[in-house]
Amino acid sequence: MKYVLVDRYLELVPGEHATAVKNVPLGEDYHAAPCLEPAYPPSLLMETMAQAAGMLIAVTFDFQRKTVFAKIE
């Protein structure tokens, strides 16, 4: 993975759930968008959640399988 967006995992329960943290500093470039409030881009939010879900799957299967998220509806 080239960009790891999850900063830390608070809890990983194999086959059940993951609790992860992503720190979003105000000085990052993606906050320069012309909107009223600084916001984390939805595309990066989805990627962050996908990375957390991928780690949950990896832990569930003892890192014996690779995961690919191909579509989000």
PDB file of N, CA and C in Angstrom:
ATOM      1  N   MET A   1       0.849  -1.157   0.000  1.00  0.00           N
ATOM      2  CA  MET A   1       0.000   0.000   0.000  1.00  0.00           C
ATOM      3  C   MET A   1       0.902   1.230   0.000  1.00  0.00           C
ATOM      4  N   LYS A   2       0.702   2.107  -0.958  1.00  0.00           N
ATOM      5  CA  LYS A   2       1.575   3.269  -1.070  1.00  0.00           C
ATOM      6  C   LYS A   2       1.263   4.328  -0.014  1.00  0.00           C
ATOM      7  N   TYR A   3      -0.012   4.603   0.211  1.00  0.00           N
ATOM      8  CA  TYR A   3      -0.411   5.606   1.196  1.00  0.00           C
ATOM      9  C   TYR A   3      -1.231   4.938   2.284  1.00  0.00           C
ATOM     10  N   VAL A   4      -0.736   4.968   3.490  1.00  0.00           N
ATOM     11  CA  VAL A   4      -1.477   4.421   4.625  1.00  0.00           C
ATOM     12  C   VAL A   4      -2.172   5.593   5.304  1.00  0.00           C
ATOM     13  N   LEU A   5      -3.488   5.593   5.255  1.00  0.00           N
ATOM     14  CA  LEU A   5      -4.256   6.716   5.785  1.00  0.00           C
ATOM     15  C   LEU A   5      -4.696   6.512   7.225  1.00  0.00           C
ATOM     16  N   VAL A   6      -4.757   5.273   7.682  1.00  0.00           N
ATOM     17  CA  VAL A   6      -5.144   5.001   9.071  1.00  0.00           C
ATOM     18  C   VAL A   6      -3.930   5.247   9.956  1.00  0.00           C
ATOM     19  N   ASP A   7      -4.100   6.071  10.979  1.00  0.00           N
ATOM     20  CA  ASP A   7      -2.985   6.383  11.870  1.00  0.00           C
ATOM     21  C   ASP A   7      -2.777   5.324  12.949  1.00  0.00           C
ATOM     22  N   ARG A   8      -3.867   4.779  13.469  1.00  0.00           N
ATOM     23  CA  ARG A   8      -3.718   3.694  14.446  1.00  0.00           C
ATOM     24  C   ARG A   8      -5.043   2.950  14.587  1.00  0.00           C
ATOM     25  N   TYR A   9      -4.915   1.724  15.023  1.00  0.00           N
ATOM     26  CA  TYR A   9      -6.083   0.876  15.274  1.00  0.00           C
ATOM     27  C   TYR A   9      -6.273   0.771  16.779  1.00  0.00           C
ATOM     28  N   LEU A  10      -7.454   1.122  17.232  1.00  0.00           N
ATOM     29  CA  LEU A  10      -7.752   1.021  18.657  1.00  0.00           C
ATOM     30  C   LEU A  10      -8.232  -0.379  19.014  1.00  0.00           C
ATOM     31  N   GLU A  11      -8.928  -1.002  18.078  1.00  0.00           N
ATOM     32  CA  GLU A  11      -9.474  -2.329  18.342  1.00  0.00           C
ATOM     33  C   GLU A  11      -9.665  -3.073  17.025  1.00  0.00           C
ATOM     34  N   LEU A  12      -9.225  -4.327  16.981  1.00  0.00           N
ATOM     35  CA  LEU A  12      -9.449  -5.219  15.846  1.00  0.00           C
ATOM     36  C   LEU A  12      -9.952  -6.542  16.403  1.00  0.00           C
ATOM     37  N   VAL A  13     -11.217  -6.831  16.169  1.00  0.00           N
ATOM     38  CA  VAL A  13     -11.807  -8.091  16.617  1.00  0.00           C
ATOM     39  C   VAL A  13     -12.048  -8.920  15.365  1.00  0.00           C
ATOM     40  N   PRO A  14     -11.219  -9.952  15.124  1.00  0.00           N
ATOM     41  CA  PRO A  14     -11.328 -10.739  13.900  1.00  0.00           C
ATOM     42  C   PRO A  14     -12.755 -11.221  13.636  1.00  0.00           C
ATOM     43  N   GLY A  15     -13.207 -10.976  12.410  1.00  0.00           N
ATOM     44  CA  GLY A  15     -14.529 -11.406  11.995  1.00  0.00           C
ATOM     45  C   GLY A  15     -15.668 -10.553  12.509  1.00  0.00           C
ATOM     46  N   GLU A  16     -15.362  -9.501  13.263  1.00  0.00           N
ATOM     47  CA  GLU A  16     -16.432  -8.679  13.840  1.00  0.00           C
ATOM     48  C   GLU A  16     -16.320  -7.203  13.476  1.00  0.00           C
ATOM     49  N   HIS A  17     -15.322  -6.513  14.035  1.00  0.00           N
ATOM     50  CA  HIS A  17     -15.230  -5.077  13.789  1.00  0.00           C
ATOM     51  C   HIS A  17     -13.823  -4.544  14.020  1.00  0.00           C
ATOM     52  N   ALA A  18     -13.626  -3.343  13.492  1.00  0.00           N
ATOM     53  CA  ALA A  18     -12.368  -2.620  13.694  1.00  0.00           C
ATOM     54  C   ALA A  18     -12.699  -1.195  14.114  1.00  0.00           C
ATOM     55  N   THR A  19     -11.901  -0.665  15.019  1.00  0.00           N
ATOM     56  CA  THR A  19     -12.003   0.735  15.410  1.00  0.00           C
ATOM     57  C   THR A  19     -10.651   1.370  15.110  1.00  0.00           C
ATOM     58  N   ALA A  20     -10.656   2.366  14.226  1.00  0.00           N
ATOM     59  CA  ALA A  20      -9.409   2.977  13.777  1.00  0.00           C
ATOM     60  C   ALA A  20      -9.478   4.493  13.934  1.00  0.00           C
ATOM     61  N   VAL A  21      -8.301   5.129  13.928  1.00  0.00           N
ATOM     62  CA  VAL A  21      -8.197   6.583  14.068  1.00  0.00           C
ATOM     63  C   VAL A  21      -7.444   7.143  12.872  1.00  0.00           C
ATOM     64  N   LYS A  22      -7.983   8.224  12.304  1.00  0.00           N
ATOM     65  CA  LYS A  22      -7.309   8.983  11.258  1.00  0.00           C
ATOM     66  C   LYS A  22      -7.208  10.418  11.746  1.00  0.00           C
ATOM     67  N   ASN A  23      -6.006  10.905  11.963  1.00  0.00           N
ATOM     68  CA  ASN A  23      -5.804  12.301  12.362  1.00  0.00           C
ATOM     69  C   ASN A  23      -5.853  13.177  11.115  1.00  0.00           C
ATOM     70  N   VAL A  24      -6.585  14.274  11.187  1.00  0.00           N
ATOM     71  CA  VAL A  24      -6.734  15.175  10.047  1.00  0.00           C
ATOM     72  C   VAL A  24      -6.254  16.569  10.453  1.00  0.00           C
ATOM     73  N   PRO A  25      -4.962  16.872  10.243  1.00  0.00           N
ATOM     74  CA  PRO A  25      -4.446  18.190  10.609  1.00  0.00           C
ATOM     75  C   PRO A  25      -4.962  19.280   9.662  1.00  0.00           C
ATOM     76  N   LEU A  26      -5.207  20.463  10.189  1.00  0.00           N
ATOM     77  CA  LEU A  26      -5.733  21.564   9.380  1.00  0.00           C
ATOM     78  C   LEU A  26      -4.737  22.083   8.347  1.00  0.00           C
ATOM     79  N   GLY A  27      -3.469  21.803   8.507  1.00  0.00           N
ATOM     80  CA  GLY A  27      -2.466  22.305   7.581  1.00  0.00           C
ATOM     81  C   GLY A  27      -2.315  21.503   6.303  1.00  0.00           C
ATOM     82  N   GLU A  28      -3.046  20.431   6.142  1.00  0.00           N
ATOM     83  CA  GLU A  28      -2.910  19.593   4.949  1.00  0.00           C
ATOM     84  C   GLU A  28      -3.450  20.305   3.706  1.00  0.00           C
ATOM     85  N   ASP A  29      -2.888  19.975   2.545  1.00  0.00           N
ATOM     86  CA  ASP A  29      -3.253  20.635   1.288  1.00  0.00           C
ATOM     87  C   ASP A  29      -4.714  20.449   0.907  1.00  0.00           C
ATOM     88  N   TYR A  30      -5.299  19.321   1.236  1.00  0.00           N
ATOM     89  CA  TYR A  30      -6.670  19.078   0.793  1.00  0.00           C
ATOM     90  C   TYR A  30      -7.680  19.984   1.489  1.00  0.00           C
ATOM     91  N   HIS A  31      -7.268  20.744   2.493  1.00  0.00           N
ATOM     92  CA  HIS A  31      -8.166  21.701   3.137  1.00  0.00           C
ATOM     93  C   HIS A  31      -8.230  23.026   2.379  1.00  0.00           C
ATOM     94  N   ALA A  32      -7.454  23.172   1.325  1.00  0.00           N
ATOM     95  CA  ALA A  32      -7.410  24.433   0.584  1.00  0.00           C
ATOM     96  C   ALA A  32      -8.553  24.568  -0.424  1.00  0.00           C
ATOM     97  N   ALA A  33      -9.476  23.624  -0.456  1.00  0.00           N
ATOM     98  CA  ALA A  33     -10.604  23.684  -1.393  1.00  0.00           C
ATOM     99  C   ALA A  33     -11.458  24.916  -1.093  1.00  0.00           C
ATOM    100  N   PRO A  34     -12.077  25.466  -2.129  1.00  0.00           N
ATOM    101  CA  PRO A  34     -12.873  26.694  -1.934  1.00  0.00           C
ATOM    102  C   PRO A  34     -14.249  26.410  -1.320  1.00  0.00           C
ATOM    103  N   CYS A  35     -14.273  25.932  -0.104  1.00  0.00           N
ATOM    104  CA  CYS A  35     -15.550  25.715   0.578  1.00  0.00           C
ATOM    105  C   CYS A  35     -15.557  26.525   1.874  1.00  0.00           C
ATOM    106  N   LEU A  36     -16.698  26.607   2.478  1.00  0.00           N
ATOM    107  CA  LEU A  36     -16.831  27.427   3.683  1.00  0.00           C
ATOM    108  C   LEU A  36     -16.069  26.865   4.871  1.00  0.00           C
ATOM    109  N   GLU A  37     -16.130  25.580   5.038  1.00  0.00           N
ATOM    110  CA  GLU A  37     -15.490  24.915   6.171  1.00  0.00           C
ATOM    111  C   GLU A  37     -14.415  23.957   5.665  1.00  0.00           C
ATOM    112  N   PRO A  38     -13.316  23.810   6.379  1.00  0.00           N
ATOM    113  CA  PRO A  38     -12.350  22.775   6.008  1.00  0.00           C
ATOM    114  C   PRO A  38     -13.023  21.407   6.106  1.00  0.00           C
ATOM    115  N   ALA A  39     -12.796  20.576   5.117  1.00  0.00           N
ATOM    116  CA  ALA A  39     -13.436  19.260   5.104  1.00  0.00           C
ATOM    117  C   ALA A  39     -12.479  18.215   4.552  1.00  0.00           C
ATOM    118  N   TYR A  40     -12.560  17.030   5.091  1.00  0.00           N
ATOM    119  CA  TYR A  40     -11.790  15.889   4.590  1.00  0.00           C
ATOM    120  C   TYR A  40     -12.509  15.374   3.349  1.00  0.00           C
ATOM    121  N   PRO A  41     -11.842  15.258   2.212  1.00  0.00           N
ATOM    122  CA  PRO A  41     -12.508  14.852   0.974  1.00  0.00           C
ATOM    123  C   PRO A  41     -13.176  13.478   1.101  1.00  0.00           C
ATOM    124  N   PRO A  42     -14.395  13.347   0.580  1.00  0.00           N
ATOM    125  CA  PRO A  42     -15.110  12.070   0.665  1.00  0.00           C
ATOM    126  C   PRO A  42     -14.344  10.899   0.054  1.00  0.00           C
ATOM    127  N   SER A  43     -13.590  11.142  -1.019  1.00  0.00           N
ATOM    128  CA  SER A  43     -12.829  10.053  -1.637  1.00  0.00           C
ATOM    129  C   SER A  43     -11.749   9.530  -0.687  1.00  0.00           C
ATOM    130  N   LEU A  44     -11.100  10.424   0.054  1.00  0.00           N
ATOM    131  CA  LEU A  44     -10.095   9.987   1.026  1.00  0.00           C
ATOM    132  C   LEU A  44     -10.746   9.329   2.236  1.00  0.00           C
ATOM    133  N   LEU A  45     -11.930   9.793   2.602  1.00  0.00           N
ATOM    134  CA  LEU A  45     -12.666   9.167   3.698  1.00  0.00           C
ATOM    135  C   LEU A  45     -13.009   7.718   3.349  1.00  0.00           C
ATOM    136  N   MET A  46     -13.485   7.488   2.123  1.00  0.00           N
ATOM    137  CA  MET A  46     -13.809   6.123   1.690  1.00  0.00           C
ATOM    138  C   MET A  46     -12.553   5.252   1.652  1.00  0.00           C
ATOM    139  N   GLU A  47     -11.442   5.798   1.181  1.00  0.00           N
ATOM    140  CA  GLU A  47     -10.190   5.036   1.139  1.00  0.00           C
ATOM    141  C   GLU A  47      -9.721   4.689   2.544  1.00  0.00           C
ATOM    142  N   THR A  48      -9.857   5.613   3.478  1.00  0.00           N
ATOM    143  CA  THR A  48      -9.467   5.353   4.864  1.00  0.00           C
ATOM    144  C   THR A  48     -10.297   4.221   5.457  1.00  0.00           C
ATOM    145  N   MET A  49     -11.611   4.263   5.219  1.00  0.00           N
ATOM    146  CA  MET A  49     -12.481   3.191   5.724  1.00  0.00           C
ATOM    147  C   MET A  49     -12.173   1.858   5.045  1.00  0.00           C
ATOM    148  N   ALA A  50     -11.858   1.896   3.748  1.00  0.00           N
ATOM    149  CA  ALA A  50     -11.509   0.671   3.030  1.00  0.00           C
ATOM    150  C   ALA A  50     -10.209   0.073   3.571  1.00  0.00           C
ATOM    151  N   GLN A  51      -9.239   0.917   3.920  1.00  0.00           N
ATOM    152  CA  GLN A  51      -7.997   0.408   4.494  1.00  0.00           C
ATOM    153  C   GLN A  51      -8.245  -0.246   5.847  1.00  0.00           C
ATOM    154  N   ALA A  52      -9.110   0.349   6.657  1.00  0.00           N
ATOM    155  CA  ALA A  52      -9.443  -0.252   7.955  1.00  0.00           C
ATOM    156  C   ALA A  52     -10.157  -1.583   7.756  1.00  0.00           C
ATOM    157  N   ALA A  53     -11.080  -1.637   6.798  1.00  0.00           N
ATOM    158  CA  ALA A  53     -11.787  -2.887   6.512  1.00  0.00           C
ATOM    159  C   ALA A  53     -10.827  -3.946   5.973  1.00  0.00           C
ATOM    160  N   GLY A  54      -9.888  -3.531   5.141  1.00  0.00           N
ATOM    161  CA  GLY A  54      -8.892  -4.468   4.621  1.00  0.00           C
ATOM    162  C   GLY A  54      -8.028  -5.062   5.718  1.00  0.00           C
ATOM    163  N   MET A  55      -7.659  -4.247   6.690  1.00  0.00           N
ATOM    164  CA  MET A  55      -6.880  -4.758   7.822  1.00  0.00           C
ATOM    165  C   MET A  55      -7.708  -5.738   8.640  1.00  0.00           C
ATOM    166  N   LEU A  56      -8.988  -5.444   8.823  1.00  0.00           N
ATOM    167  CA  LEU A  56      -9.869  -6.360   9.549  1.00  0.00           C
ATOM    168  C   LEU A  56      -9.952  -7.705   8.838  1.00  0.00           C
ATOM    169  N   ILE A  57     -10.081  -7.691   7.524  1.00  0.00           N
ATOM    170  CA  ILE A  57     -10.120  -8.942   6.759  1.00  0.00           C
ATOM    171  C   ILE A  57      -8.791  -9.673   6.873  1.00  0.00           C
ATOM    172  N   ALA A  58      -7.688  -8.951   6.770  1.00  0.00           N
ATOM    173  CA  ALA A  58      -6.364  -9.577   6.880  1.00  0.00           C
ATOM    174  C   ALA A  58      -6.174 -10.247   8.233  1.00  0.00           C
ATOM    175  N   VAL A  59      -6.575  -9.573   9.303  1.00  0.00           N
ATOM    176  CA  VAL A  59      -6.447 -10.142  10.650  1.00  0.00           C
ATOM    177  C   VAL A  59      -7.362 -11.350  10.806  1.00  0.00           C
ATOM    178  N   THR A  60      -8.566 -11.259  10.249  1.00  0.00           N
ATOM    179  CA  THR A  60      -9.532 -12.356  10.352  1.00  0.00           C
ATOM    180  C   THR A  60      -8.991 -13.634   9.717  1.00  0.00           C
ATOM    181  N   PHE A  61      -8.300 -13.508   8.582  1.00  0.00           N
ATOM    182  CA  PHE A  61      -7.782 -14.675   7.870  1.00  0.00           C
ATOM    183  C   PHE A  61      -6.281 -14.869   8.081  1.00  0.00           C
ATOM    184  N   ASP A  62      -5.741 -14.382   9.194  1.00  0.00           N
ATOM    185  CA  ASP A  62      -4.328 -14.546   9.554  1.00  0.00           C
ATOM    186  C   ASP A  62      -3.374 -14.137   8.431  1.00  0.00           C
ATOM    187  N   PHE A  63      -3.710 -13.091   7.719  1.00  0.00           N
ATOM    188  CA  PHE A  63      -2.883 -12.537   6.643  1.00  0.00           C
ATOM    189  C   PHE A  63      -2.601 -13.553   5.535  1.00  0.00           C
ATOM    190  N   GLN A  64      -3.472 -14.528   5.355  1.00  0.00           N
ATOM    191  CA  GLN A  64      -3.298 -15.547   4.320  1.00  0.00           C
ATOM    192  C   GLN A  64      -3.990 -15.169   3.015  1.00  0.00           C
ATOM    193  N   ARG A  65      -4.788 -14.110   3.003  1.00  0.00           N
ATOM    194  CA  ARG A  65      -5.515 -13.685   1.807  1.00  0.00           C
ATOM    195  C   ARG A  65      -5.285 -12.204   1.554  1.00  0.00           C
ATOM    196  N   LYS A  66      -5.337 -11.834   0.283  1.00  0.00           N
ATOM    197  CA  LYS A  66      -5.246 -10.425  -0.094  1.00  0.00           C
ATOM    198  C   LYS A  66      -6.652  -9.910  -0.356  1.00  0.00           C
ATOM    199  N   THR A  67      -6.874  -8.648  -0.074  1.00  0.00           N
ATOM    200  CA  THR A  67      -8.187  -8.054  -0.307  1.00  0.00           C
ATOM    201  C   THR A  67      -8.096  -6.969  -1.366  1.00  0.00           C
ATOM    202  N   VAL A  68      -9.136  -6.879  -2.163  1.00  0.00           N
ATOM    203  CA  VAL A  68      -9.249  -5.825  -3.165  1.00  0.00           C
ATOM    204  C   VAL A  68     -10.671  -5.294  -3.108  1.00  0.00           C
ATOM    205  N   PHE A  69     -10.816  -4.009  -2.826  1.00  0.00           N
ATOM    206  CA  PHE A  69     -12.133  -3.388  -2.854  1.00  0.00           C
ATOM    207  C   PHE A  69     -12.302  -2.780  -4.235  1.00  0.00           C
ATOM    208  N   ALA A  70     -13.232  -3.325  -5.001  1.00  0.00           N
ATOM    209  CA  ALA A  70     -13.353  -2.938  -6.398  1.00  0.00           C
ATOM    210  C   ALA A  70     -14.482  -1.962  -6.679  1.00  0.00           C
ATOM    211  N   LYS A  71     -15.499  -1.905  -5.801  1.00  0.00           N
ATOM    212  CA  LYS A  71     -16.648  -1.068  -6.117  1.00  0.00           C
ATOM    213  C   LYS A  71     -17.316  -0.574  -4.842  1.00  0.00           C
ATOM    214  N   ILE A  72     -17.717   0.681  -4.863  1.00  0.00           N
ATOM    215  CA  ILE A  72     -18.474   1.262  -3.756  1.00  0.00           C
ATOM    216  C   ILE A  72     -19.731   1.879  -4.349  1.00  0.00           C
ATOM    217  N   GLU A  73     -20.868   1.497  -3.811  1.00  0.00           N
ATOM    218  CA  GLU A  73     -22.137   2.069  -4.295  1.00  0.00           C
ATOM    219  C   GLU A  73     -22.714   3.004  -3.266  1.00  0.00           C
TER     220      GLU A  73
END
